[in-house]
Amino acid sequence: MTTEYQINSLNDFLDVPEDKQKQCLEDFGEWLTFCRHHSLSDVFGPHTTLSTDSFMWIDDDVRGVSDVSFSVNGEEIGRLSDMGEAT
């Protein structure tokens, strides 16, 4: 079973159980690195921007970021699996 944590502010990290915080913060760091080095236009073409307003951490007991999904108005428009090609 997986649990999702929507991180919109620093305070939201307090919702992550203490024994899972290190894993969450490591994944958050990987997400930050991805955001610094990529844009949605790299993946989905020009005129697409990457919103970094929030971070959804999924507690799936998988070490590292297994995928990144991109949503617009709550609708997923794409996904990078294993930080590879867009699907």
C-alpha atoms as a PDB file:
ATOM      1  CA  MET A   1       0.000   0.000   0.000  1.00  0.00           C
ATOM      2  CA  THR A   2       1.271   3.466  -0.848  1.00  0.00           C
ATOM      3  CA  THR A   3       0.546   6.713   0.931  1.00  0.00           C
ATOM      4  CA  GLU A   4       0.718  10.095  -0.791  1.00  0.00           C
ATOM      5  CA  TYR A   5       1.858  13.328   0.844  1.00  0.00           C
ATOM      6  CA  GLN A   6       1.146  16.636  -0.892  1.00  0.00           C
ATOM      7  CA  ILE A   7       3.912  19.101  -0.013  1.00  0.00           C
ATOM      8  CA  ASN A   8       2.829  22.690  -0.638  1.00  0.00           C
ATOM      9  CA  SER A   9       4.766  24.295   2.215  1.00  0.00           C
ATOM     10  CA  LEU A  10       7.560  23.405   4.622  1.00  0.00           C
ATOM     11  CA  ASN A  11       4.945  22.712   7.272  1.00  0.00           C
ATOM     12  CA  ASP A  12       3.548  19.887   5.104  1.00  0.00           C
ATOM     13  CA  PHE A  13       6.758  17.893   5.632  1.00  0.00           C
ATOM     14  CA  LEU A  14       5.582  17.452   9.237  1.00  0.00           C
ATOM     15  CA  ASP A  15       2.784  15.202   7.919  1.00  0.00           C
ATOM     16  CA  VAL A  16       5.386  12.648   6.793  1.00  0.00           C
ATOM     17  CA  PRO A  17       6.013  10.093   9.562  1.00  0.00           C
ATOM     18  CA  GLU A  18       9.314  10.663  11.336  1.00  0.00           C
ATOM     19  CA  ASP A  19      10.688   7.279  10.298  1.00  0.00           C
ATOM     20  CA  LYS A  20      10.037   8.185   6.622  1.00  0.00           C
ATOM     21  CA  GLN A  21      11.382  11.763   6.650  1.00  0.00           C
ATOM     22  CA  LYS A  22      14.891  10.901   5.481  1.00  0.00           C
ATOM     23  CA  GLN A  23      13.565   8.947   2.487  1.00  0.00           C
ATOM     24  CA  CYS A  24      11.106  11.737   1.640  1.00  0.00           C
ATOM     25  CA  LEU A  25      13.791  14.425   1.815  1.00  0.00           C
ATOM     26  CA  GLU A  26      16.178  12.368  -0.333  1.00  0.00           C
ATOM     27  CA  ASP A  27      13.467  12.009  -2.989  1.00  0.00           C
ATOM     28  CA  PHE A  28      12.686  15.716  -2.691  1.00  0.00           C
ATOM     29  CA  GLY A  29      16.367  16.463  -3.337  1.00  0.00           C
ATOM     30  CA  GLU A  30      16.292  14.311  -6.478  1.00  0.00           C
ATOM     31  CA  TRP A  31      13.154  16.138  -7.629  1.00  0.00           C
ATOM     32  CA  LEU A  32      14.869  19.512  -7.085  1.00  0.00           C
ATOM     33  CA  THR A  33      17.840  18.365  -9.146  1.00  0.00           C
ATOM     34  CA  PHE A  34      15.497  17.232 -11.922  1.00  0.00           C
ATOM     35  CA  CYS A  35      13.673  20.599 -11.889  1.00  0.00           C
ATOM     36  CA  ARG A  36      16.954  22.517 -12.078  1.00  0.00           C
ATOM     37  CA  HIS A  37      18.173  20.599 -15.110  1.00  0.00           C
ATOM     38  CA  HIS A  38      15.008  20.009 -17.132  1.00  0.00           C
ATOM     39  CA  SER A  39      11.998  21.840 -18.394  1.00  0.00           C
ATOM     40  CA  LEU A  40       8.745  20.481 -19.739  1.00  0.00           C
ATOM     41  CA  SER A  41       9.671  21.877 -23.144  1.00  0.00           C
ATOM     42  CA  ASP A  42      12.591  19.394 -23.136  1.00  0.00           C
ATOM     43  CA  VAL A  43      10.065  16.592 -22.815  1.00  0.00           C
ATOM     44  CA  PHE A  44       6.757  17.793 -24.257  1.00  0.00           C
ATOM     45  CA  GLY A  45       7.838  20.498 -26.694  1.00  0.00           C
ATOM     46  CA  PRO A  46       7.891  24.297 -26.701  1.00  0.00           C
ATOM     47  CA  HIS A  47       5.366  26.468 -24.859  1.00  0.00           C
ATOM     48  CA  THR A  48       5.171  24.062 -21.926  1.00  0.00           C
ATOM     49  CA  THR A  49       6.410  25.183 -18.524  1.00  0.00           C
ATOM     50  CA  LEU A  50       7.308  23.250 -15.401  1.00  0.00           C
ATOM     51  CA  SER A  51       5.379  24.254 -12.295  1.00  0.00           C
ATOM     52  CA  THR A  52       7.247  23.719  -9.074  1.00  0.00           C
ATOM     53  CA  ASP A  53       4.473  24.930  -6.776  1.00  0.00           C
ATOM     54  CA  SER A  54       4.159  21.590  -5.024  1.00  0.00           C
ATOM     55  CA  PHE A  55       5.724  18.173  -4.591  1.00  0.00           C
ATOM     56  CA  MET A  56       3.781  14.932  -4.184  1.00  0.00           C
ATOM     57  CA  TRP A  57       5.772  12.330  -2.294  1.00  0.00           C
ATOM     58  CA  ILE A  58       4.509   8.777  -2.604  1.00  0.00           C
ATOM     59  CA  ASP A  59       5.637   6.455   0.165  1.00  0.00           C
ATOM     60  CA  ASP A  60       6.100   3.344  -1.970  1.00  0.00           C
ATOM     61  CA  ASP A  61       9.121   1.873  -0.128  1.00  0.00           C
ATOM     62  CA  VAL A  62      11.160   2.320  -3.325  1.00  0.00           C
ATOM     63  CA  ARG A  63      14.489   4.052  -2.759  1.00  0.00           C
ATOM     64  CA  GLY A  64      14.895   7.057  -5.053  1.00  0.00           C
ATOM     65  CA  VAL A  65      12.493   8.668  -7.467  1.00  0.00           C
ATOM     66  CA  SER A  66      10.865   6.022  -9.632  1.00  0.00           C
ATOM     67  CA  ASP A  67       8.901   8.455 -11.777  1.00  0.00           C
ATOM     68  CA  VAL A  68       7.811  12.047 -12.160  1.00  0.00           C
ATOM     69  CA  SER A  69       4.324  12.901 -13.380  1.00  0.00           C
ATOM     70  CA  PHE A  70       3.205  16.185 -14.884  1.00  0.00           C
ATOM     71  CA  SER A  71      -0.302  17.476 -14.269  1.00  0.00           C
ATOM     72  CA  VAL A  72      -2.337  20.429 -15.449  1.00  0.00           C
ATOM     73  CA  ASN A  73      -5.452  21.295 -13.434  1.00  0.00           C
ATOM     74  CA  GLY A  74      -5.243  17.919 -11.710  1.00  0.00           C
ATOM     75  CA  GLU A  75      -5.074  15.963 -14.976  1.00  0.00           C
ATOM     76  CA  GLU A  76      -1.890  14.043 -15.697  1.00  0.00           C
ATOM     77  CA  ILE A  77      -0.428  15.054 -19.051  1.00  0.00           C
ATOM     78  CA  GLY A  78       2.731  12.956 -18.961  1.00  0.00           C
ATOM     79  CA  ARG A  79       5.063  10.825 -16.913  1.00  0.00           C
ATOM     80  CA  LEU A  80       8.770  10.094 -16.860  1.00  0.00           C
ATOM     81  CA  SER A  81       9.317   6.558 -15.599  1.00  0.00           C
ATOM     82  CA  ASP A  82      12.661   5.677 -14.059  1.00  0.00           C
ATOM     83  CA  MET A  83      13.531   9.288 -14.884  1.00  0.00           C
ATOM     84  CA  GLY A  84      13.760   8.153 -18.503  1.00  0.00           C
ATOM     85  CA  GLU A  85      11.584   8.866 -21.528  1.00  0.00           C
ATOM     86  CA  ALA A  86       8.167  10.468 -21.366  1.00  0.00           C
ATOM     87  CA  THR A  87       5.117   8.229 -21.726  1.00  0.00           C
END
